[in-house]
Amino acid sequence: MYTEENTARLMPDVAVHAQPHLAGELDWVGMDGIEVPVRFDAGDGDVQRASARVGAFVNLRRPDKRGIHMSRLYLQVEQALSTQTLSASSLRELLQGFLDSHKDLSDRACLSIRFEHLVRRPALRSGNSGWRAYPVSIEASLVGDQFLLELGTEVVYSSTCPASAALSRQLIQEQFSKDFDAAEPVDHAAVLAWLGSEKGIVATPHAQRSVARLRVRPTEGAKFDLISLIDRTEHALGTPVQTAVKREDEQAFALANGGNLMFCEDAARRIQKALDVDATLSDFHIRVEHQESLHPHDAVAYASKGVEGGYAGKGCA
């Protein structure tokens, strides 16, 4: 009869044996893409369960040890994330568990979690609503007593080029001059009919689906508030993509685009201004990407809070 002790004794563990010809410290070792359910409160009190992909890592500071105990990391991830609502304190506790289970091997731990969170968004005019799936990324690390936490998401919106709008208006003016003799009195009904015809809009500015990618660092003790972050960003931009759309919603969206002409620089500054007043964020990183319809490359701008030692000047990746 095999007992747990006998089974463990009979099973070889080659990971504990040193390989002198391959000795060396490793920055991070672990697993990525662990499939596990997570529980997440986006700030509205509605705890949703989502399917997540998780990365769990520790460093290997013992050059004489061949590997870490990956099963220990996996079991801790599975136990903690599938039963507890995600929070700063629960993630710090999980990372500390990584280190406690690798006391002789590691002194740094990190964790990444990626999933989608559903938020119901109202239509612009019709009274309907629909669901938007916002990607969520959470990065956490523990080095000694230093715990770092980052929340990321994306907002998709429409951007209409101000330069293209100006050029289009010029062409419309020129067409008006051709169709209406300046020496003749202007007939109101004729002009109104002309404006409602295809001839009255001979050019339209180019617009494109655009993406604002956000990474934020909450202040100590702040809760995850994804919905507030999304709301601030979408309100600043004015043209977030829609869900349920009737004709009245589409017309309202066209009006919003016309009232929010913006280059990528404008979009980045709008979001920067909106997030800068949020006292729950110690730092933020913004990347806006206008996926141009005029040419095959994208227009991109970055912005940050500008705090010392923060995201500012960290490269353009």
Protein backbone atom coordinates (compact mmCIF):
# COMPACT_ATOMS: atom_id res chain seq x y z
CA MET A 1 0.00 0.00 0.00
CA TYR A 2 1.39 3.39 -0.97
CA THR A 3 1.17 6.24 1.50
CA GLU A 4 1.71 9.87 0.48
CA GLU A 5 5.14 9.71 2.12
CA ASN A 6 6.12 6.55 0.24
CA THR A 7 4.86 7.91 -3.09
CA ALA A 8 6.82 11.13 -2.68
CA ARG A 9 9.94 9.18 -1.76
CA LEU A 10 9.63 6.95 -4.81
CA MET A 11 9.12 9.80 -7.28
CA PRO A 12 12.30 11.45 -8.59
CA ASP A 13 12.61 15.25 -8.54
CA VAL A 14 15.34 16.20 -11.01
CA ALA A 15 14.64 19.92 -10.51
CA VAL A 16 16.48 19.92 -7.18
CA HIS A 17 19.71 18.64 -8.69
CA ALA A 18 22.29 21.20 -9.70
CA GLN A 19 23.83 21.36 -13.16
CA PRO A 20 27.23 23.01 -12.59
CA HIS A 21 27.81 23.60 -16.31
CA LEU A 22 24.53 25.58 -16.51
CA ALA A 23 24.65 27.46 -13.19
CA GLY A 24 23.26 31.00 -13.11
CA GLU A 25 20.60 33.23 -11.61
CA LEU A 26 17.35 33.78 -13.52
CA ASP A 27 15.29 36.98 -13.49
CA TRP A 28 11.91 35.25 -13.69
CA VAL A 29 10.67 31.68 -13.88
CA GLY A 30 7.08 30.50 -13.81
CA MET A 31 4.01 29.93 -15.97
CA ASP A 32 2.02 32.07 -18.36
CA GLY A 33 -1.48 31.55 -19.73
CA ILE A 34 -2.85 29.74 -16.68
CA GLU A 35 -6.60 29.32 -17.23
CA VAL A 36 -8.59 30.24 -14.15
CA PRO A 37 -11.87 32.01 -13.30
CA VAL A 38 -11.59 35.34 -11.50
CA ARG A 39 -14.07 37.47 -9.57
CA PHE A 40 -13.93 41.19 -10.29
CA ASP A 41 -15.80 44.25 -9.03
CA ALA A 42 -15.37 47.05 -11.59
CA GLY A 43 -16.44 49.67 -9.04
CA ASP A 44 -20.22 49.35 -9.19
CA GLY A 45 -20.57 46.58 -6.62
CA ASP A 46 -21.52 43.98 -9.26
CA VAL A 47 -18.99 41.16 -8.87
CA GLN A 48 -18.63 39.40 -12.22
CA ARG A 49 -16.92 36.10 -12.86
CA ALA A 50 -14.69 35.98 -15.92
CA SER A 51 -12.35 33.54 -17.63
CA ALA A 52 -8.79 34.81 -17.18
CA ARG A 53 -5.29 34.02 -18.34
CA VAL A 54 -2.73 34.36 -15.59
CA GLY A 55 1.04 34.60 -15.45
CA ALA A 56 2.77 33.65 -12.19
CA PHE A 57 6.52 34.11 -11.69
CA VAL A 58 9.30 34.24 -9.13
CA ASN A 59 13.00 34.83 -9.64
CA LEU A 60 15.57 32.04 -9.20
CA ARG A 61 18.45 33.50 -7.21
CA ARG A 62 20.16 30.20 -6.42
CA PRO A 63 22.54 29.32 -9.29
CA ASP A 64 23.02 25.89 -7.75
CA LYS A 65 19.31 25.01 -8.10
CA ARG A 66 17.95 23.78 -11.41
CA GLY A 67 14.37 24.99 -11.10
CA ILE A 68 11.51 26.30 -9.00
CA HIS A 69 8.35 24.61 -7.70
CA MET A 70 5.87 25.49 -10.44
CA SER A 71 3.07 23.34 -9.05
CA ARG A 72 3.15 25.43 -5.86
CA LEU A 73 2.55 28.59 -7.86
CA TYR A 74 -0.26 27.00 -9.85
CA LEU A 75 -2.12 25.68 -6.82
CA GLN A 76 -1.90 29.04 -5.05
CA VAL A 77 -3.19 30.86 -8.13
CA GLU A 78 -6.07 28.44 -8.56
CA GLN A 79 -7.07 28.60 -4.91
CA ALA A 80 -6.82 32.36 -4.45
CA LEU A 81 -8.18 33.74 -7.72
CA SER A 82 -11.11 31.36 -8.14
CA THR A 83 -12.49 32.02 -4.65
CA GLN A 84 -11.64 35.65 -3.77
CA THR A 85 -12.71 38.91 -5.38
CA LEU A 86 -9.67 40.63 -6.87
CA SER A 87 -8.24 43.38 -4.68
CA ALA A 88 -4.88 44.92 -3.92
CA SER A 89 -4.71 43.14 -0.58
CA SER A 90 -5.61 39.71 -1.99
CA LEU A 91 -3.00 40.05 -4.76
CA ARG A 92 -0.31 41.10 -2.30
CA GLU A 93 -1.18 38.13 -0.11
CA LEU A 94 -0.95 35.81 -3.13
CA LEU A 95 2.49 37.16 -4.10
CA GLN A 96 3.68 36.77 -0.53
CA GLY A 97 2.52 33.17 -0.72
CA PHE A 98 4.69 32.68 -3.81
CA LEU A 99 7.72 33.84 -1.87
CA ASP A 100 6.87 31.90 1.29
CA SER A 101 6.72 28.70 -0.79
CA HIS A 102 10.11 29.51 -2.36
CA LYS A 103 12.01 30.85 0.65
CA ASP A 104 15.24 29.15 -0.31
CA LEU A 105 15.02 30.12 -3.99
CA SER A 106 13.35 33.50 -4.57
CA ASP A 107 13.02 37.03 -3.23
CA ARG A 108 10.84 38.58 -5.99
CA ALA A 109 7.38 37.62 -7.28
CA CYS A 110 5.10 38.95 -10.00
CA LEU A 111 1.65 38.23 -11.36
CA SER A 112 -0.32 39.18 -14.48
CA ILE A 113 -4.06 38.69 -15.00
CA ARG A 114 -5.96 39.29 -18.26
CA PHE A 115 -9.68 39.00 -18.90
CA GLU A 116 -12.70 40.93 -20.24
CA HIS A 117 -15.32 42.73 -18.18
CA LEU A 118 -18.83 43.39 -19.52
CA VAL A 119 -20.37 46.82 -18.98
CA ARG A 120 -23.85 47.83 -20.15
CA ARG A 121 -23.78 51.12 -22.07
CA PRO A 122 -26.85 53.20 -23.00
CA ALA A 123 -27.64 54.31 -26.55
CA LEU A 124 -27.27 57.99 -27.34
CA ARG A 125 -30.93 58.78 -28.05
CA SER A 126 -33.20 55.76 -28.46
CA GLY A 127 -33.32 54.54 -24.86
CA ASN A 128 -31.84 51.17 -25.81
CA SER A 129 -28.63 49.74 -24.40
CA GLY A 130 -26.07 47.01 -25.08
CA TRP A 131 -22.98 45.36 -23.70
CA ARG A 132 -19.36 46.41 -24.21
CA ALA A 133 -16.55 44.00 -23.32
CA TYR A 134 -13.60 45.99 -21.99
CA PRO A 135 -10.23 44.21 -21.76
CA VAL A 136 -8.69 44.27 -18.29
CA SER A 137 -5.07 43.67 -17.39
CA ILE A 138 -3.72 43.61 -13.84
CA GLU A 139 0.00 43.51 -13.12
CA ALA A 140 1.33 43.10 -9.58
CA SER A 141 4.80 42.54 -8.16
CA LEU A 142 6.37 42.16 -4.73
CA VAL A 143 10.05 42.86 -4.10
CA GLY A 144 10.84 42.91 -0.41
CA ASP A 145 8.24 45.23 1.09
CA GLN A 146 7.67 47.10 -2.19
CA PHE A 147 4.32 46.17 -3.70
CA LEU A 148 3.50 47.58 -7.16
CA LEU A 149 0.07 47.36 -8.78
CA GLU A 150 -1.13 48.38 -12.24
CA LEU A 151 -4.56 48.29 -13.90
CA GLY A 152 -4.95 48.47 -17.67
CA THR A 153 -7.84 48.71 -20.12
CA GLU A 154 -8.78 50.03 -23.58
CA VAL A 155 -11.40 52.47 -24.84
CA VAL A 156 -12.44 52.36 -28.51
CA TYR A 157 -13.70 55.59 -30.06
CA SER A 158 -14.17 57.44 -33.35
CA SER A 159 -11.81 60.23 -34.40
CA THR A 160 -12.54 62.67 -37.23
CA CYS A 161 -9.54 64.53 -38.66
CA PRO A 162 -9.74 68.34 -38.20
CA ALA A 163 -7.54 68.98 -41.27
CA SER A 164 -9.70 66.76 -43.45
CA ALA A 165 -12.83 68.50 -42.12
CA ALA A 166 -11.43 71.91 -43.08
CA LEU A 167 -10.52 70.71 -46.57
CA SER A 168 -14.00 69.22 -46.99
CA ARG A 169 -15.66 72.48 -45.95
CA GLN A 170 -13.59 74.34 -48.53
CA LEU A 171 -14.81 72.03 -51.29
CA ILE A 172 -18.41 72.47 -50.16
CA GLN A 173 -17.96 76.25 -50.26
CA GLU A 174 -16.56 76.03 -53.78
CA GLN A 175 -19.47 73.87 -54.91
CA PHE A 176 -21.91 76.36 -53.40
CA SER A 177 -20.26 79.19 -55.36
CA LYS A 178 -20.68 77.19 -58.57
CA ASP A 179 -24.32 76.34 -57.94
CA PHE A 180 -25.47 79.73 -56.67
CA ASP A 181 -24.67 82.91 -58.58
CA ALA A 182 -23.38 85.58 -56.22
CA ALA A 183 -25.14 88.25 -58.32
CA GLU A 184 -28.54 86.62 -57.82
CA PRO A 185 -30.63 86.75 -54.63
CA VAL A 186 -30.33 83.56 -52.55
CA ASP A 187 -33.54 81.53 -52.36
CA HIS A 188 -33.89 79.99 -48.88
CA ALA A 189 -35.84 76.95 -50.08
CA ALA A 190 -33.35 76.26 -52.86
CA VAL A 191 -30.39 76.44 -50.47
CA LEU A 192 -32.15 74.20 -47.96
CA ALA A 193 -32.84 71.61 -50.66
CA TRP A 194 -29.25 71.89 -51.90
CA LEU A 195 -27.88 71.25 -48.39
CA GLY A 196 -30.00 68.11 -48.13
CA SER A 197 -28.76 66.70 -51.44
CA GLU A 198 -25.61 64.73 -52.22
CA LYS A 199 -24.47 67.70 -54.28
CA GLY A 200 -24.48 69.83 -51.15
CA ILE A 201 -21.94 67.57 -49.44
CA VAL A 202 -19.39 66.91 -52.16
CA ALA A 203 -16.70 65.92 -49.63
CA THR A 204 -16.62 64.33 -46.20
CA PRO A 205 -13.73 64.29 -43.72
CA HIS A 206 -12.06 60.99 -43.00
CA ALA A 207 -12.70 59.34 -39.66
CA GLN A 208 -11.41 56.13 -38.16
CA ARG A 209 -11.89 53.70 -35.32
CA SER A 210 -9.36 54.64 -32.67
CA VAL A 211 -8.07 53.06 -29.46
CA ALA A 212 -6.94 54.58 -26.18
CA ARG A 213 -4.84 52.12 -24.21
CA LEU A 214 -4.56 53.01 -20.52
CA ARG A 215 -2.32 51.83 -17.71
CA VAL A 216 -2.87 53.31 -14.26
CA ARG A 217 -1.35 52.88 -10.81
CA PRO A 218 -3.96 53.24 -8.06
CA THR A 219 -2.98 55.07 -4.88
CA GLU A 220 -2.44 52.94 -1.79
CA GLY A 221 -5.75 51.73 -0.43
CA ALA A 222 -7.73 52.66 -3.56
CA LYS A 223 -10.15 50.07 -4.90
CA PHE A 224 -10.26 48.91 -8.49
CA ASP A 225 -12.60 51.36 -10.23
CA LEU A 226 -12.61 50.35 -13.88
CA ILE A 227 -15.98 51.94 -14.66
CA SER A 228 -14.91 55.35 -13.35
CA LEU A 229 -11.74 55.15 -15.44
CA ILE A 230 -13.73 54.24 -18.56
CA ASP A 231 -16.37 56.91 -17.93
CA ARG A 232 -13.77 59.66 -17.50
CA THR A 233 -12.01 58.63 -20.68
CA GLU A 234 -15.11 58.25 -22.85
CA HIS A 235 -16.54 61.54 -21.62
CA ALA A 236 -13.26 63.33 -22.40
CA LEU A 237 -13.20 61.94 -25.94
CA GLY A 238 -16.89 62.41 -26.65
CA THR A 239 -17.13 59.72 -29.34
CA PRO A 240 -16.93 56.23 -27.80
CA VAL A 241 -18.18 53.43 -30.05
CA GLN A 242 -21.81 52.44 -29.55
CA THR A 243 -23.75 49.24 -28.94
CA ALA A 244 -27.46 49.38 -29.83
CA VAL A 245 -27.90 51.89 -32.68
CA LYS A 246 -31.18 53.15 -34.22
CA ARG A 247 -31.22 55.96 -36.78
CA GLU A 248 -31.60 58.60 -34.07
CA ASP A 249 -28.54 57.18 -32.31
CA GLU A 250 -26.50 57.21 -35.52
CA GLN A 251 -27.46 60.81 -36.16
CA ALA A 252 -26.45 61.75 -32.60
CA PHE A 253 -23.14 59.96 -33.14
CA ALA A 254 -22.54 61.94 -36.34
CA LEU A 255 -23.23 65.12 -34.38
CA ALA A 256 -20.77 64.05 -31.66
CA ASN A 257 -18.08 63.40 -34.27
CA GLY A 258 -18.65 66.81 -35.82
CA GLY A 259 -18.34 68.46 -32.42
CA ASN A 260 -15.20 66.53 -31.44
CA LEU A 261 -12.75 66.85 -34.33
CA MET A 262 -9.37 65.69 -33.06
CA PHE A 263 -5.86 64.69 -33.97
CA CYS A 264 -4.22 61.94 -31.89
CA GLU A 265 -2.43 64.71 -29.95
CA ASP A 266 -5.79 66.24 -29.02
CA ALA A 267 -7.16 62.89 -27.87
CA ALA A 268 -4.12 62.17 -25.68
CA ARG A 269 -4.31 65.58 -24.04
CA ARG A 270 -8.04 65.25 -23.41
CA ILE A 271 -7.54 61.98 -21.55
CA GLN A 272 -4.47 63.33 -19.74
CA LYS A 273 -6.49 66.26 -18.41
CA ALA A 274 -9.35 64.01 -17.32
CA LEU A 275 -7.14 61.53 -15.45
CA ASP A 276 -4.86 64.15 -13.91
CA VAL A 277 -7.63 65.30 -11.57
CA ASP A 278 -8.36 61.77 -10.33
CA ALA A 279 -6.90 61.62 -6.81
CA THR A 280 -7.13 57.79 -6.75
CA LEU A 281 -4.42 57.50 -9.45
CA SER A 282 -0.78 57.96 -8.49
CA ASP A 283 0.34 57.69 -12.13
CA PHE A 284 -1.01 56.84 -15.56
CA HIS A 285 0.21 55.99 -19.05
CA ILE A 286 -1.87 56.77 -22.16
CA ARG A 287 -1.36 55.51 -25.70
CA VAL A 288 -3.84 56.67 -28.31
CA GLU A 289 -3.85 55.07 -31.73
CA HIS A 290 -5.81 56.50 -34.66
CA GLN A 291 -6.05 53.69 -37.19
CA GLU A 292 -6.07 55.96 -40.20
CA SER A 293 -8.38 55.52 -43.18
CA LEU A 294 -6.29 57.97 -45.23
CA HIS A 295 -3.08 55.93 -45.21
CA PRO A 296 -1.94 52.47 -44.09
CA HIS A 297 -0.02 53.56 -41.00
CA ASP A 298 -1.44 54.75 -37.67
CA ALA A 299 -1.17 58.11 -35.92
CA VAL A 300 -0.05 57.58 -32.31
CA ALA A 301 0.47 59.79 -29.25
CA TYR A 302 1.56 59.07 -25.67
CA ALA A 303 0.93 60.95 -22.44
CA SER A 304 1.48 60.38 -18.73
CA LYS A 305 1.00 62.11 -15.39
CA GLY A 306 4.65 63.13 -15.43
CA VAL A 307 5.57 62.09 -11.90
CA GLU A 308 9.23 61.50 -11.08
CA GLY A 309 10.18 57.85 -11.42
CA GLY A 310 6.85 57.07 -13.12
CA TYR A 311 5.75 56.26 -16.64
CA ALA A 312 7.07 59.48 -18.20
CA GLY A 313 9.91 58.98 -20.65
CA LYS A 314 9.83 55.19 -20.40
CA GLY A 315 9.91 54.65 -24.14
CA CYS A 316 7.34 54.38 -26.89
CA ALA A 317 6.48 50.67 -26.76
